Amino acid sequence: MSTMNTGLETGKSLQVFDPSTPGRDLTAYIASVNSIAVLSPEQELELAKQYYYDDNVDAARQLVMAHLRFVVHLAKTYSGYGLPQADLIQEGNVGLMKAVKRFNPEVGVRLVSFAVHWIKAEMHEYILRNWRIVKIATTKAQRKLFFNLRSSKKRLGWLNNEEAQDLANDLGVDAKVVRQMEGRMSAYDMAFDAEPEGDEDAAYKAPAYYLEDQGSNLAEQLEEAEWEEVTNNSLHLAMSELDDRSKDILKSRWLSDDKATLHELADKYGVSAERIRQLEKNAMNKIKASMEA
C-alpha cells in the first residue's frame, strides 16, 4: 500500500494513503479505506487531543485514515460532472488533512462534521477548474468529425443543408450528426456563478446553485452511516458468540422476513414455547451486554 508524506506545519510528517492511489486501482482503494476501523467518539476525541496539544503526528495519521471512507462517500455525490472519481477523492483527501490540522477537540463536535466543509471546498475548487458543460468529442469518430468540420467552418462559416449533407457523405455519417457536432462546437462554457448584474429570476440556473443539495445535511448522513456500520459490526460480533440454537432462534424471530412463532420453534427443537421464550430472552441479554461492553 502506497503512502505519502504530508506536512501539517509541525515539522513532522503524516503518513496517509497516497491520493494518487485511486487512479491506479480505484476499486482496491475503496475496499482498503472501507476496511479501516471506524473510531468511537472517545477514541476520536483522545487522538484529536494528542495531535492538538502534543503535535502527535501518528494520532493525526489515525484520524485521517479512519475518515478516508467519508471522502469516498462525498466524491460519489459529485459523480454527475463527468470528472474522474479518483481525482475528486485525491482533492478531498487534501481537504481532510487540512481539516485534521485545524480541528479543535474542545469545540465539542465530531471531526466528520467539521471536515465535511474542508473536503467539499477542495472538491468544489477542482470542479471549478475542470468542469465543462459541453464535451466536444469523446469517441474516435467524433474527433474525426470535429476536426473535419472545424476545417470546413473556417472556410464556410455555418453550413447550409447541402454543405452539411456533402460533409456527411464524405465522412460516412448522417447529416444530423454533422449538425449536432456543429452545435457543440458553437457552444461555450457556462459561467459557474450567476452574473452579478444578471436577471434574478434566472440566477438559480447557474451551476453554483445546483452543485450540491442545500436541503440535505451531509454531515448528519455520514454520522448516521458511521453509527449504523459500528452497530452492525457490533451486532455481528455479538451474534457470533452465541450457540447455534440461540442464533437460529434470534434470526428466525427477528432477522427473517418470514418470522417464526414461539410454537413453531418449540416444535422444531422439541421443547416448550416458554423454553424458547427464555432462550430468546437470554440471547438478547447476552447481545445487549456484548454491545455495551
Protein backbone atom coordinates (compact mmCIF):
# COMPACT_ATOMS: atom_id res chain seq x y z
CA MET A 1 0.00 0.00 0.00
CA SER A 2 1.43 3.35 -1.02
CA THR A 3 1.95 6.18 1.41
CA MET A 4 2.98 9.76 1.16
CA ASN A 5 4.49 12.32 3.50
CA THR A 6 2.27 15.33 4.03
CA GLY A 7 3.45 18.09 6.37
CA LEU A 8 0.99 19.53 8.84
CA GLU A 9 3.03 22.62 9.73
CA THR A 10 4.54 20.89 12.74
CA GLY A 11 7.89 19.94 11.27
CA LYS A 12 6.76 16.31 11.21
CA SER A 13 5.30 14.03 8.54
CA LEU A 14 1.88 12.42 8.34
CA GLN A 15 1.61 9.00 6.67
CA VAL A 16 -1.67 8.59 4.75
CA PHE A 17 -2.83 6.86 1.60
CA ASP A 18 -1.23 8.36 -1.48
CA PRO A 19 -4.04 10.40 -3.11
CA SER A 20 -2.79 9.12 -6.47
CA THR A 21 -3.60 5.53 -5.48
CA PRO A 22 -7.27 5.65 -6.57
CA GLY A 23 -6.12 6.42 -10.09
CA ARG A 24 -4.24 3.13 -10.27
CA ASP A 25 -6.91 0.87 -8.85
CA LEU A 26 -9.99 2.68 -7.58
CA THR A 27 -11.84 -0.48 -6.58
CA ALA A 28 -8.95 -1.74 -4.45
CA TYR A 29 -8.50 1.70 -2.88
CA ILE A 30 -12.16 1.93 -1.87
CA ALA A 31 -12.04 -1.59 -0.43
CA SER A 32 -8.93 -0.64 1.55
CA VAL A 33 -10.35 2.51 3.09
CA ASN A 34 -13.64 0.79 3.93
CA SER A 35 -11.71 -1.90 5.81
CA ILE A 36 -10.20 0.64 8.21
CA ALA A 37 -11.91 0.55 11.60
CA VAL A 38 -14.28 3.39 12.45
CA LEU A 39 -13.26 5.36 15.55
CA SER A 40 -15.57 5.62 18.53
CA PRO A 41 -16.29 9.15 19.78
CA GLU A 42 -13.98 8.54 22.73
CA GLN A 43 -11.13 7.29 20.53
CA GLU A 44 -11.55 10.21 18.14
CA LEU A 45 -11.50 12.76 20.96
CA GLU A 46 -8.38 11.25 22.52
CA LEU A 47 -6.49 11.21 19.20
CA ALA A 48 -7.59 14.76 18.41
CA LYS A 49 -6.28 15.96 21.79
CA GLN A 50 -2.97 14.17 21.27
CA TYR A 51 -2.43 15.98 17.99
CA TYR A 52 -3.89 19.36 19.03
CA TYR A 53 -1.92 19.65 22.29
CA ASP A 54 1.13 17.40 21.75
CA ASP A 55 1.71 17.52 17.96
CA ASN A 56 1.40 13.72 17.89
CA VAL A 57 1.50 13.17 14.15
CA ASP A 58 0.71 9.46 14.49
CA ALA A 59 -2.58 10.45 16.13
CA ALA A 60 -3.32 12.75 13.20
CA ARG A 61 -2.49 9.93 10.80
CA GLN A 62 -5.02 7.68 12.53
CA LEU A 63 -7.68 10.39 12.32
CA VAL A 64 -7.09 10.84 8.59
CA MET A 65 -7.03 7.11 7.85
CA ALA A 66 -10.28 6.49 9.74
CA HIS A 67 -12.09 9.17 7.74
CA LEU A 68 -10.89 8.36 4.21
CA ARG A 69 -14.12 6.43 3.65
CA PHE A 70 -16.09 9.66 4.06
CA VAL A 71 -14.04 11.32 1.32
CA VAL A 72 -15.01 8.46 -0.99
CA HIS A 73 -18.66 8.88 0.04
CA LEU A 74 -18.55 12.59 -0.74
CA ALA A 75 -16.79 12.08 -4.06
CA LYS A 76 -19.65 9.86 -5.22
CA THR A 77 -22.14 12.69 -4.70
CA TYR A 78 -20.30 14.70 -7.38
CA SER A 79 -20.15 11.92 -9.97
CA GLY A 80 -22.53 13.76 -12.31
CA TYR A 81 -19.92 16.24 -13.50
CA GLY A 82 -18.01 13.87 -15.76
CA LEU A 83 -14.79 14.18 -13.76
CA PRO A 84 -12.65 11.22 -12.63
CA GLN A 85 -13.75 10.00 -9.22
CA ALA A 86 -10.15 9.20 -8.35
CA ASP A 87 -9.22 12.87 -8.82
CA LEU A 88 -12.15 14.01 -6.71
CA ILE A 89 -11.04 11.64 -3.95
CA GLN A 90 -7.50 12.94 -4.19
CA GLU A 91 -8.69 16.53 -3.77
CA GLY A 92 -10.99 15.50 -0.92
CA ASN A 93 -8.09 13.81 0.87
CA VAL A 94 -6.24 17.12 0.80
CA GLY A 95 -9.27 18.80 2.38
CA LEU A 96 -9.46 16.08 5.03
CA MET A 97 -5.82 16.62 6.01
CA LYS A 98 -6.40 20.37 6.23
CA ALA A 99 -9.40 19.73 8.47
CA VAL A 100 -7.46 17.44 10.81
CA LYS A 101 -4.73 20.08 11.06
CA ARG A 102 -7.26 22.73 12.13
CA PHE A 103 -9.60 20.59 14.24
CA ASN A 104 -10.08 21.79 17.81
CA PRO A 105 -11.28 18.92 20.04
CA GLU A 106 -12.61 21.36 22.63
CA VAL A 107 -15.34 22.67 20.30
CA GLY A 108 -17.47 19.62 21.04
CA VAL A 109 -18.33 18.41 17.51
CA ARG A 110 -17.34 15.24 15.66
CA LEU A 111 -14.47 15.52 13.23
CA VAL A 112 -16.65 14.47 10.28
CA SER A 113 -18.98 17.42 10.89
CA PHE A 114 -16.02 19.77 10.78
CA ALA A 115 -14.11 18.07 7.97
CA VAL A 116 -17.01 17.83 5.53
CA HIS A 117 -16.72 21.54 4.75
CA TRP A 118 -12.97 21.33 4.03
CA ILE A 119 -13.39 18.21 1.92
CA LYS A 120 -16.19 19.76 -0.14
CA ALA A 121 -14.24 23.01 -0.56
CA GLU A 122 -11.33 21.18 -2.20
CA MET A 123 -13.67 19.18 -4.44
CA HIS A 124 -15.54 22.33 -5.46
CA GLU A 125 -12.28 24.04 -6.37
CA TYR A 126 -11.29 21.07 -8.53
CA ILE A 127 -14.69 21.06 -10.26
CA LEU A 128 -14.43 24.78 -10.95
CA ARG A 129 -11.04 24.28 -12.57
CA ASN A 130 -12.01 21.33 -14.72
CA TRP A 131 -15.74 21.09 -15.35
CA ARG A 132 -17.18 21.80 -18.82
CA ILE A 133 -20.87 21.79 -19.61
CA VAL A 134 -20.23 20.51 -23.19
CA LYS A 135 -17.90 17.64 -24.04
CA ILE A 136 -16.90 18.35 -27.67
CA ALA A 137 -15.78 14.88 -28.81
CA THR A 138 -15.34 11.69 -26.83
CA THR A 139 -15.06 8.92 -29.47
CA LYS A 140 -12.64 8.45 -32.34
CA ALA A 141 -15.42 9.05 -34.91
CA GLN A 142 -16.49 12.24 -33.15
CA ARG A 143 -12.93 13.55 -33.06
CA LYS A 144 -12.55 12.88 -36.78
CA LEU A 145 -15.80 14.72 -37.48
CA PHE A 146 -14.76 17.56 -35.21
CA PHE A 147 -11.50 18.28 -36.99
CA ASN A 148 -13.04 17.93 -40.47
CA LEU A 149 -15.95 20.16 -39.53
CA ARG A 150 -13.64 22.69 -37.92
CA SER A 151 -11.63 22.93 -41.12
CA SER A 152 -14.79 23.34 -43.24
CA LYS A 153 -16.29 26.00 -40.98
CA LYS A 154 -13.15 28.12 -41.26
CA ARG A 155 -13.93 28.40 -44.97
CA LEU A 156 -17.72 28.33 -44.96
CA GLY A 157 -18.97 29.59 -41.61
CA TRP A 158 -22.32 27.99 -40.71
CA LEU A 159 -23.11 25.11 -43.06
CA ASN A 160 -26.23 25.12 -45.19
CA ASN A 161 -28.17 21.88 -45.74
CA GLU A 162 -26.30 20.97 -48.92
CA GLU A 163 -22.88 21.53 -47.35
CA ALA A 164 -23.82 19.55 -44.25
CA GLN A 165 -25.04 16.66 -46.43
CA ASP A 166 -21.87 16.72 -48.57
CA LEU A 167 -19.67 16.57 -45.46
CA ALA A 168 -21.80 13.78 -44.02
CA ASN A 169 -21.40 11.80 -47.23
CA ASP A 170 -17.63 12.32 -47.23
CA LEU A 171 -17.34 11.04 -43.63
CA GLY A 172 -19.97 8.32 -43.91
CA VAL A 173 -22.24 9.70 -41.20
CA ASP A 174 -25.77 11.08 -41.05
CA ALA A 175 -26.27 14.80 -41.71
CA LYS A 176 -27.96 15.03 -38.30
CA VAL A 177 -24.68 14.02 -36.66
CA VAL A 178 -22.89 16.81 -38.50
CA ARG A 179 -25.45 19.33 -37.26
CA GLN A 180 -25.09 18.07 -33.68
CA MET A 181 -21.32 18.43 -33.77
CA GLU A 182 -21.63 21.90 -35.31
CA GLY A 183 -23.84 22.90 -32.41
CA ARG A 184 -21.36 21.54 -29.88
CA MET A 185 -18.51 23.44 -31.48
CA SER A 186 -20.51 26.66 -31.36
CA ALA A 187 -21.40 26.22 -27.68
CA TYR A 188 -19.43 27.89 -24.95
CA ASP A 189 -18.77 27.09 -21.33
CA MET A 190 -21.45 28.31 -18.99
CA ALA A 191 -20.33 30.66 -16.21
CA PHE A 192 -20.27 28.81 -12.91
CA ASP A 193 -21.57 31.71 -10.85
CA ALA A 194 -24.59 33.85 -11.68
CA GLU A 195 -23.77 37.23 -13.23
CA PRO A 196 -23.76 39.96 -10.53
CA GLU A 197 -25.97 42.22 -12.63
CA GLY A 198 -27.95 39.38 -14.21
CA ASP A 199 -31.66 38.60 -14.06
CA GLU A 200 -32.51 37.39 -10.53
CA ASP A 201 -35.25 35.13 -11.89
CA ALA A 202 -32.69 33.24 -14.00
CA ALA A 203 -29.84 33.29 -11.45
CA TYR A 204 -30.90 29.98 -9.92
CA LYS A 205 -29.96 28.25 -13.20
CA ALA A 206 -26.26 28.92 -12.63
CA PRO A 207 -24.31 25.73 -11.80
CA ALA A 208 -23.24 27.17 -8.45
CA TYR A 209 -26.81 26.69 -7.22
CA TYR A 210 -27.07 23.02 -8.07
CA LEU A 211 -23.55 21.79 -7.42
CA GLU A 212 -24.76 20.48 -4.10
CA ASP A 213 -28.08 19.85 -2.42
CA GLN A 214 -28.51 22.63 0.10
CA GLY A 215 -31.54 20.90 1.58
CA SER A 216 -29.62 17.95 2.99
CA ASN A 217 -27.18 17.78 5.87
CA LEU A 218 -24.39 15.56 4.59
CA ALA A 219 -22.55 15.65 7.90
CA GLU A 220 -25.56 14.10 9.61
CA GLN A 221 -25.86 11.49 6.86
CA LEU A 222 -22.23 10.50 7.31
CA GLU A 223 -22.59 10.29 11.08
CA GLU A 224 -25.67 8.11 10.68
CA ALA A 225 -23.82 5.86 8.24
CA GLU A 226 -20.92 5.60 10.69
CA TRP A 227 -23.25 4.77 13.58
CA GLU A 228 -25.07 2.13 11.50
CA GLU A 229 -21.83 0.47 10.47
CA VAL A 230 -20.50 0.37 14.02
CA THR A 231 -23.81 -1.05 15.27
CA ASN A 232 -23.94 -3.71 12.56
CA ASN A 233 -20.36 -4.75 13.26
CA SER A 234 -21.06 -4.97 16.99
CA LEU A 235 -24.22 -7.00 16.38
CA HIS A 236 -22.40 -9.40 14.08
CA LEU A 237 -19.66 -9.92 16.67
CA ALA A 238 -22.16 -10.43 19.48
CA MET A 239 -24.17 -12.95 17.41
CA SER A 240 -21.02 -14.94 16.68
CA GLU A 241 -20.57 -15.58 20.41
CA LEU A 242 -23.96 -17.31 20.78
CA ASP A 243 -24.56 -21.05 20.44
CA ASP A 244 -26.14 -22.30 17.22
CA ARG A 245 -29.61 -22.78 18.71
CA SER A 246 -29.74 -19.29 20.21
CA LYS A 247 -28.54 -17.76 16.93
CA ASP A 248 -31.20 -19.63 15.00
CA ILE A 249 -33.91 -18.53 17.40
CA LEU A 250 -32.97 -14.85 17.11
CA LYS A 251 -32.61 -14.99 13.33
CA SER A 252 -35.95 -16.77 12.97
CA ARG A 253 -37.73 -14.42 15.37
CA TRP A 254 -36.16 -11.06 14.42
CA LEU A 255 -33.95 -11.18 11.32
CA SER A 256 -36.08 -13.18 8.92
CA ASP A 257 -38.69 -11.80 6.53
CA ASP A 258 -40.95 -14.74 7.42
CA LYS A 259 -40.71 -14.59 11.20
CA ALA A 260 -41.28 -17.80 13.15
CA THR A 261 -43.57 -18.07 16.18
CA LEU A 262 -42.56 -19.42 19.57
CA HIS A 263 -44.66 -22.55 18.96
CA GLU A 264 -43.04 -23.23 15.57
CA LEU A 265 -39.58 -23.05 17.13
CA ALA A 266 -40.76 -25.16 20.07
CA ASP A 267 -41.82 -27.90 17.65
CA LYS A 268 -38.51 -27.61 15.80
CA TYR A 269 -36.38 -28.12 18.93
CA GLY A 270 -38.75 -30.37 20.86
CA VAL A 271 -39.16 -28.03 23.84
CA SER A 272 -41.95 -25.86 25.18
CA ALA A 273 -42.80 -22.42 23.81
CA GLU A 274 -41.91 -20.99 27.22
CA ARG A 275 -38.43 -22.51 26.95
CA ILE A 276 -37.97 -20.87 23.53
CA ARG A 277 -39.04 -17.55 25.04
CA GLN A 278 -36.45 -17.97 27.82
CA LEU A 279 -33.69 -18.84 25.34
CA GLU A 280 -34.63 -15.82 23.24
CA LYS A 281 -34.54 -13.52 26.26
CA ASN A 282 -31.18 -14.88 27.43
CA ALA A 283 -29.69 -14.46 23.95
CA MET A 284 -30.96 -10.88 23.73
CA ASN A 285 -29.43 -10.06 27.12
CA LYS A 286 -26.08 -11.51 26.05
CA ILE A 287 -26.07 -9.45 22.85
CA LYS A 288 -27.01 -6.29 24.74
CA ALA A 289 -24.22 -6.84 27.27
CA SER A 290 -21.69 -7.55 24.49
CA MET A 291 -22.60 -4.42 22.51
CA GLU A 292 -22.46 -2.20 25.60
CA ALA A 293 -19.07 -3.54 26.68
